[in-house]
């Protein structure tokens, strides 16, 4: 079952690449209007990470975005469970700490729906400063992991590098706003799905706030 999700994620990623190539070729003569090609470095404090972004128009109102970088995930968990020992049930408390440093690459398709209105209103649309709907796909490795588990009966610590595949796909709504001197604020949110080699597929919410420096 898990392998099927891995195959599906790779198929989606390949499909996005194919669409990017075909749409870019088909729209070569289209007026790209207010959208701009850009290279940027983004820092994200909410979902901690640093990444390189390359965004290029593929039609008058849409772009494809390639990303590559490193994200950090920090998990604290506390749980209780009941264990039966010698006909007696004993409540066991578990504290879990997990840290992941995850290298990843991604593709996104963005449709900017309000650029013309912003221009008509005299607003700054440099660096693709507008609102958009989109699809985002992220592929990566679990990467460097640190895990600590503690109960009343035992302790466990584990560190290492995991090559296990992990993927994320989501539909998103987002916005870019200029902060001056080619600095851009980005906000993005939307429902998604997380899957990987050692985990079942599960619902997830993408919530990203980033600050980009455009070059």
C-alpha atoms as a PDB file:
ATOM      1  CA  UNK A   1       0.000   0.000   0.000  1.00  0.00           C
ATOM      2  CA  UNK A   2       2.766   2.428   0.955  1.00  0.00           C
ATOM      3  CA  UNK A   3       4.727   1.630  -2.213  1.00  0.00           C
ATOM      4  CA  UNK A   4       1.653   2.592  -4.242  1.00  0.00           C
ATOM      5  CA  UNK A   5       1.724   6.065  -2.708  1.00  0.00           C
ATOM      6  CA  UNK A   6       5.404   6.363  -3.568  1.00  0.00           C
ATOM      7  CA  UNK A   7       4.690   5.391  -7.164  1.00  0.00           C
ATOM      8  CA  UNK A   8       1.766   7.836  -7.305  1.00  0.00           C
ATOM      9  CA  UNK A   9       3.878  10.713  -6.022  1.00  0.00           C
ATOM     10  CA  UNK A  10       6.590  10.053  -8.616  1.00  0.00           C
ATOM     11  CA  UNK A  11       3.932   9.870 -11.330  1.00  0.00           C
ATOM     12  CA  UNK A  12       2.476  13.225 -10.253  1.00  0.00           C
ATOM     13  CA  UNK A  13       5.957  14.767 -10.169  1.00  0.00           C
ATOM     14  CA  UNK A  14       6.716  13.472 -13.689  1.00  0.00           C
ATOM     15  CA  UNK A  15       3.352  14.766 -14.910  1.00  0.00           C
ATOM     16  CA  UNK A  16       4.074  18.254 -13.596  1.00  0.00           C
ATOM     17  CA  UNK A  17       7.429  18.208 -15.395  1.00  0.00           C
ATOM     18  CA  UNK A  18       5.751  17.144 -18.639  1.00  0.00           C
ATOM     19  CA  UNK A  19       3.059  19.821 -18.331  1.00  0.00           C
ATOM     20  CA  UNK A  20       5.704  22.435 -17.624  1.00  0.00           C
ATOM     21  CA  UNK A  21       7.628  21.546 -20.774  1.00  0.00           C
ATOM     22  CA  UNK A  22       4.561  21.317 -23.025  1.00  0.00           C
ATOM     23  CA  UNK A  23       2.865  24.463 -21.766  1.00  0.00           C
ATOM     24  CA  UNK A  24       6.082  26.460 -21.963  1.00  0.00           C
ATOM     25  CA  UNK A  25       6.542  25.422 -25.585  1.00  0.00           C
ATOM     26  CA  UNK A  26       2.899  26.045 -26.524  1.00  0.00           C
ATOM     27  CA  UNK A  27       2.801  29.501 -24.963  1.00  0.00           C
ATOM     28  CA  UNK A  28       6.132  30.787 -26.235  1.00  0.00           C
ATOM     29  CA  UNK A  29       4.355  33.464 -28.312  1.00  0.00           C
ATOM     30  CA  UNK A  30       1.804  34.452 -25.640  1.00  0.00           C
ATOM     31  CA  UNK A  31       2.041  37.905 -24.096  1.00  0.00           C
ATOM     32  CA  UNK A  32       3.324  37.118 -20.602  1.00  0.00           C
ATOM     33  CA  UNK A  33       1.973  40.419 -19.359  1.00  0.00           C
ATOM     34  CA  UNK A  34       2.842  41.339 -15.754  1.00  0.00           C
ATOM     35  CA  UNK A  35       4.405  38.038 -14.654  1.00  0.00           C
ATOM     36  CA  UNK A  36       8.184  37.892 -14.376  1.00  0.00           C
ATOM     37  CA  UNK A  37      10.850  35.230 -14.450  1.00  0.00           C
ATOM     38  CA  UNK A  38      12.750  35.268 -11.161  1.00  0.00           C
ATOM     39  CA  UNK A  39      15.420  33.601  -9.038  1.00  0.00           C
ATOM     40  CA  UNK A  40      15.121  33.908  -5.260  1.00  0.00           C
ATOM     41  CA  UNK A  41      16.276  32.624  -1.898  1.00  0.00           C
ATOM     42  CA  UNK A  42      13.504  32.080   0.653  1.00  0.00           C
ATOM     43  CA  UNK A  43      13.654  31.800   4.442  1.00  0.00           C
ATOM     44  CA  UNK A  44      10.610  30.346   6.170  1.00  0.00           C
ATOM     45  CA  UNK A  45      10.142  30.820   9.941  1.00  0.00           C
ATOM     46  CA  UNK A  46       6.789  29.008  10.333  1.00  0.00           C
ATOM     47  CA  UNK A  47       7.840  25.751   8.661  1.00  0.00           C
ATOM     48  CA  UNK A  48      11.588  26.326   9.253  1.00  0.00           C
ATOM     49  CA  UNK A  49      13.622  26.043   6.094  1.00  0.00           C
ATOM     50  CA  UNK A  50      15.776  27.671   3.463  1.00  0.00           C
ATOM     51  CA  UNK A  51      15.297  27.072  -0.247  1.00  0.00           C
ATOM     52  CA  UNK A  52      16.181  28.283  -3.728  1.00  0.00           C
ATOM     53  CA  UNK A  53      13.266  29.202  -6.021  1.00  0.00           C
ATOM     54  CA  UNK A  54      13.087  29.596  -9.766  1.00  0.00           C
ATOM     55  CA  UNK A  55       9.747  30.805 -11.157  1.00  0.00           C
ATOM     56  CA  UNK A  56       8.980  31.208 -14.844  1.00  0.00           C
ATOM     57  CA  UNK A  57       5.775  32.269 -16.677  1.00  0.00           C
ATOM     58  CA  UNK A  58       4.113  29.629 -18.860  1.00  0.00           C
ATOM     59  CA  UNK A  59       1.084  31.706 -19.895  1.00  0.00           C
ATOM     60  CA  UNK A  60      -0.238  35.210 -19.411  1.00  0.00           C
ATOM     61  CA  UNK A  61      -1.548  34.415 -15.902  1.00  0.00           C
ATOM     62  CA  UNK A  62       0.321  31.310 -14.770  1.00  0.00           C
ATOM     63  CA  UNK A  63       3.810  30.191 -13.774  1.00  0.00           C
ATOM     64  CA  UNK A  64       5.768  27.104 -12.862  1.00  0.00           C
ATOM     65  CA  UNK A  65       8.014  27.219  -9.832  1.00  0.00           C
ATOM     66  CA  UNK A  66      10.960  24.933  -9.042  1.00  0.00           C
ATOM     67  CA  UNK A  67      12.289  24.747  -5.480  1.00  0.00           C
ATOM     68  CA  UNK A  68      15.225  23.015  -3.819  1.00  0.00           C
ATOM     69  CA  UNK A  69      16.359  23.277  -0.235  1.00  0.00           C
ATOM     70  CA  UNK A  70      16.272  22.037   3.332  1.00  0.00           C
ATOM     71  CA  UNK A  71      13.323  22.008   5.750  1.00  0.00           C
ATOM     72  CA  UNK A  72      13.266  21.321   9.479  1.00  0.00           C
ATOM     73  CA  UNK A  73      10.492  19.536  11.392  1.00  0.00           C
ATOM     74  CA  UNK A  74      10.295  19.474  15.177  1.00  0.00           C
ATOM     75  CA  UNK A  75       7.813  17.188  16.951  1.00  0.00           C
ATOM     76  CA  UNK A  76       6.998  16.935  20.647  1.00  0.00           C
ATOM     77  CA  UNK A  77       4.484  14.246  21.643  1.00  0.00           C
ATOM     78  CA  UNK A  78       3.048  13.040  24.942  1.00  0.00           C
ATOM     79  CA  UNK A  79       0.853   9.960  25.190  1.00  0.00           C
ATOM     80  CA  UNK A  80      -0.583   7.504  27.693  1.00  0.00           C
ATOM     81  CA  UNK A  81      -1.164   3.804  27.192  1.00  0.00           C
ATOM     82  CA  UNK A  82      -2.368   0.895  29.311  1.00  0.00           C
ATOM     83  CA  UNK A  83      -0.119  -2.192  29.667  1.00  0.00           C
ATOM     84  CA  UNK A  84      -1.304  -5.496  31.165  1.00  0.00           C
ATOM     85  CA  UNK A  85       1.271  -7.077  33.517  1.00  0.00           C
ATOM     86  CA  UNK A  86       0.410 -10.076  35.729  1.00  0.00           C
ATOM     87  CA  UNK A  87      -3.321  -9.512  35.328  1.00  0.00           C
ATOM     88  CA  UNK A  88      -2.904  -5.869  36.298  1.00  0.00           C
ATOM     89  CA  UNK A  89      -3.180  -2.913  33.974  1.00  0.00           C
ATOM     90  CA  UNK A  90      -0.499  -0.276  34.396  1.00  0.00           C
ATOM     91  CA  UNK A  91      -0.745   3.156  32.816  1.00  0.00           C
ATOM     92  CA  UNK A  92       2.419   4.074  30.944  1.00  0.00           C
ATOM     93  CA  UNK A  93       3.355   7.621  29.971  1.00  0.00           C
ATOM     94  CA  UNK A  94       5.536   8.286  26.933  1.00  0.00           C
ATOM     95  CA  UNK A  95       7.359  11.464  25.936  1.00  0.00           C
ATOM     96  CA  UNK A  96       8.690  11.665  22.391  1.00  0.00           C
ATOM     97  CA  UNK A  97      10.976  14.222  20.727  1.00  0.00           C
ATOM     98  CA  UNK A  98      11.763  14.100  16.990  1.00  0.00           C
ATOM     99  CA  UNK A  99      13.824  16.419  14.795  1.00  0.00           C
ATOM    100  CA  UNK A 100      14.056  16.037  11.007  1.00  0.00           C
ATOM    101  CA  UNK A 101      16.329  17.964   8.626  1.00  0.00           C
ATOM    102  CA  UNK A 102      14.829  17.109   5.252  1.00  0.00           C
ATOM    103  CA  UNK A 103      16.482  17.825   1.861  1.00  0.00           C
ATOM    104  CA  UNK A 104      13.855  18.171  -0.867  1.00  0.00           C
ATOM    105  CA  UNK A 105      12.939  19.437  -4.306  1.00  0.00           C
ATOM    106  CA  UNK A 106       9.544  20.570  -5.521  1.00  0.00           C
ATOM    107  CA  UNK A 107       7.399  21.802  -8.387  1.00  0.00           C
ATOM    108  CA  UNK A 108       4.376  24.088  -8.278  1.00  0.00           C
ATOM    109  CA  UNK A 109       1.878  25.412 -10.804  1.00  0.00           C
ATOM    110  CA  UNK A 110       0.462  28.854  -9.910  1.00  0.00           C
ATOM    111  CA  UNK A 111      -2.466  30.685 -11.495  1.00  0.00           C
ATOM    112  CA  UNK A 112      -2.404  34.424 -10.686  1.00  0.00           C
ATOM    113  CA  UNK A 113      -6.010  35.563 -10.868  1.00  0.00           C
ATOM    114  CA  UNK A 114      -5.872  39.237  -9.821  1.00  0.00           C
ATOM    115  CA  UNK A 115      -2.816  40.737 -11.516  1.00  0.00           C
ATOM    116  CA  UNK A 116      -4.800  42.868 -13.984  1.00  0.00           C
ATOM    117  CA  UNK A 117      -6.952  44.327 -11.192  1.00  0.00           C
ATOM    118  CA  UNK A 118      -3.876  45.191  -9.144  1.00  0.00           C
ATOM    119  CA  UNK A 119      -2.304  46.975 -12.124  1.00  0.00           C
ATOM    120  CA  UNK A 120      -5.540  48.895 -12.801  1.00  0.00           C
ATOM    121  CA  UNK A 121      -5.593  49.939  -9.136  1.00  0.00           C
ATOM    122  CA  UNK A 122      -2.037  51.254  -9.437  1.00  0.00           C
ATOM    123  CA  UNK A 123      -0.529  48.635  -7.123  1.00  0.00           C
ATOM    124  CA  UNK A 124       3.012  47.320  -7.405  1.00  0.00           C
ATOM    125  CA  UNK A 125       3.081  43.913  -9.148  1.00  0.00           C
ATOM    126  CA  UNK A 126       6.864  43.567  -9.452  1.00  0.00           C
ATOM    127  CA  UNK A 127       8.236  40.159  -8.448  1.00  0.00           C
ATOM    128  CA  UNK A 128       4.820  38.598  -9.207  1.00  0.00           C
ATOM    129  CA  UNK A 129       3.129  40.423  -6.340  1.00  0.00           C
ATOM    130  CA  UNK A 130      -0.391  39.038  -6.549  1.00  0.00           C
ATOM    131  CA  UNK A 131      -2.744  36.300  -5.369  1.00  0.00           C
ATOM    132  CA  UNK A 132      -2.818  32.804  -6.831  1.00  0.00           C
ATOM    133  CA  UNK A 133      -4.313  29.334  -6.721  1.00  0.00           C
ATOM    134  CA  UNK A 134      -1.996  26.425  -7.348  1.00  0.00           C
ATOM    135  CA  UNK A 135      -0.841  22.842  -7.038  1.00  0.00           C
ATOM    136  CA  UNK A 136       2.376  21.992  -5.201  1.00  0.00           C
ATOM    137  CA  UNK A 137       4.392  18.756  -5.119  1.00  0.00           C
ATOM    138  CA  UNK A 138       7.391  18.224  -2.819  1.00  0.00           C
ATOM    139  CA  UNK A 139       9.685  15.181  -2.905  1.00  0.00           C
ATOM    140  CA  UNK A 140      12.478  14.505  -0.463  1.00  0.00           C
ATOM    141  CA  UNK A 141      14.246  12.243   1.993  1.00  0.00           C
ATOM    142  CA  UNK A 142      13.568  12.002   5.716  1.00  0.00           C
ATOM    143  CA  UNK A 143      17.216  13.076   6.014  1.00  0.00           C
ATOM    144  CA  UNK A 144      18.999  13.688   9.289  1.00  0.00           C
ATOM    145  CA  UNK A 145      16.879  12.458  12.188  1.00  0.00           C
ATOM    146  CA  UNK A 146      17.164  12.760  15.945  1.00  0.00           C
ATOM    147  CA  UNK A 147      14.659  10.886  18.083  1.00  0.00           C
ATOM    148  CA  UNK A 148      14.319  10.527  21.847  1.00  0.00           C
ATOM    149  CA  UNK A 149      11.660   8.436  23.606  1.00  0.00           C
ATOM    150  CA  UNK A 150      11.268   8.283  27.368  1.00  0.00           C
ATOM    151  CA  UNK A 151       8.890   6.312  29.570  1.00  0.00           C
ATOM    152  CA  UNK A 152       9.017   5.318  33.219  1.00  0.00           C
ATOM    153  CA  UNK A 153      10.548   1.982  32.177  1.00  0.00           C
ATOM    154  CA  UNK A 154      13.073   2.877  29.470  1.00  0.00           C
ATOM    155  CA  UNK A 155      14.841   5.521  27.415  1.00  0.00           C
ATOM    156  CA  UNK A 156      15.701   5.426  23.718  1.00  0.00           C
ATOM    157  CA  UNK A 157      17.846   7.777  21.633  1.00  0.00           C
ATOM    158  CA  UNK A 158      18.490   7.467  17.922  1.00  0.00           C
ATOM    159  CA  UNK A 159      20.407   9.596  15.439  1.00  0.00           C
ATOM    160  CA  UNK A 160      21.310   9.078  11.808  1.00  0.00           C
ATOM    161  CA  UNK A 161      20.542   9.778   8.170  1.00  0.00           C
ATOM    162  CA  UNK A 162      17.467   8.166   6.646  1.00  0.00           C
ATOM    163  CA  UNK A 163      17.155   7.649   2.884  1.00  0.00           C
ATOM    164  CA  UNK A 164      13.450   6.863   3.232  1.00  0.00           C
ATOM    165  CA  UNK A 165      11.396   8.695   0.630  1.00  0.00           C
ATOM    166  CA  UNK A 166       8.755  11.198   1.750  1.00  0.00           C
ATOM    167  CA  UNK A 167       6.391  13.198  -0.441  1.00  0.00           C
ATOM    168  CA  UNK A 168       3.774  15.912  -0.094  1.00  0.00           C
ATOM    169  CA  UNK A 169       1.100  17.082  -2.545  1.00  0.00           C
ATOM    170  CA  UNK A 170      -1.355  19.902  -1.962  1.00  0.00           C
ATOM    171  CA  UNK A 171      -3.754  22.396  -3.479  1.00  0.00           C
ATOM    172  CA  UNK A 172      -2.903  25.915  -2.299  1.00  0.00           C
ATOM    173  CA  UNK A 173      -3.989  29.516  -2.156  1.00  0.00           C
ATOM    174  CA  UNK A 174      -1.195  32.033  -1.821  1.00  0.00           C
ATOM    175  CA  UNK A 175      -0.123  35.652  -2.074  1.00  0.00           C
ATOM    176  CA  UNK A 176       3.084  37.633  -2.709  1.00  0.00           C
ATOM    177  CA  UNK A 177       3.629  41.197  -1.521  1.00  0.00           C
ATOM    178  CA  UNK A 178       6.652  43.446  -2.070  1.00  0.00           C
ATOM    179  CA  UNK A 179       8.522  44.713   0.978  1.00  0.00           C
ATOM    180  CA  UNK A 180      11.008  46.853  -0.965  1.00  0.00           C
ATOM    181  CA  UNK A 181      14.474  46.358  -2.469  1.00  0.00           C
ATOM    182  CA  UNK A 182      13.439  43.040  -4.065  1.00  0.00           C
ATOM    183  CA  UNK A 183      12.301  41.535  -0.756  1.00  0.00           C
ATOM    184  CA  UNK A 184       8.981  39.700  -1.004  1.00  0.00           C
ATOM    185  CA  UNK A 185       6.588  38.340   1.626  1.00  0.00           C
ATOM    186  CA  UNK A 186       4.831  35.074   0.703  1.00  0.00           C
ATOM    187  CA  UNK A 187       1.931  33.348   2.442  1.00  0.00           C
ATOM    188  CA  UNK A 188       0.563  29.980   1.292  1.00  0.00           C
ATOM    189  CA  UNK A 189      -2.058  27.637   2.762  1.00  0.00           C
ATOM    190  CA  UNK A 190      -4.012  24.615   1.578  1.00  0.00           C
ATOM    191  CA  UNK A 191      -5.023  20.982   2.190  1.00  0.00           C
ATOM    192  CA  UNK A 192      -2.563  18.255   1.271  1.00  0.00           C
ATOM    193  CA  UNK A 193      -1.462  14.661   1.604  1.00  0.00           C
ATOM    194  CA  UNK A 194       1.768  13.262   3.088  1.00  0.00           C
ATOM    195  CA  UNK A 195       3.081   9.823   2.075  1.00  0.00           C
ATOM    196  CA  UNK A 196       6.312   7.871   2.189  1.00  0.00           C
ATOM    197  CA  UNK A 197       8.070   4.529   2.315  1.00  0.00           C
ATOM    198  CA  UNK A 198       7.575   3.860   6.031  1.00  0.00           C
ATOM    199  CA  UNK A 199       4.280   5.631   6.613  1.00  0.00           C
ATOM    200  CA  UNK A 200       0.680   5.495   5.562  1.00  0.00           C
ATOM    201  CA  UNK A 201      -0.820   8.331   3.563  1.00  0.00           C
ATOM    202  CA  UNK A 202      -2.342  10.969   5.807  1.00  0.00           C
ATOM    203  CA  UNK A 203      -4.052  14.345   5.536  1.00  0.00           C
ATOM    204  CA  UNK A 204      -1.917  17.396   6.202  1.00  0.00           C
ATOM    205  CA  UNK A 205      -2.280  21.160   6.055  1.00  0.00           C
ATOM    206  CA  UNK A 206       0.330  23.242   4.268  1.00  0.00           C
ATOM    207  CA  UNK A 207       0.931  26.534   6.032  1.00  0.00           C
ATOM    208  CA  UNK A 208       3.978  28.453   4.854  1.00  0.00           C
ATOM    209  CA  UNK A 209       5.139  32.000   5.510  1.00  0.00           C
ATOM    210  CA  UNK A 210       8.309  32.997   3.730  1.00  0.00           C
ATOM    211  CA  UNK A 211      10.509  36.008   3.066  1.00  0.00           C
ATOM    212  CA  UNK A 212      12.223  35.993  -0.331  1.00  0.00           C
ATOM    213  CA  UNK A 213      15.158  37.896  -1.724  1.00  0.00           C
ATOM    214  CA  UNK A 214      14.759  38.145  -5.511  1.00  0.00           C
ATOM    215  CA  UNK A 215      17.909  38.398  -7.644  1.00  0.00           C
END
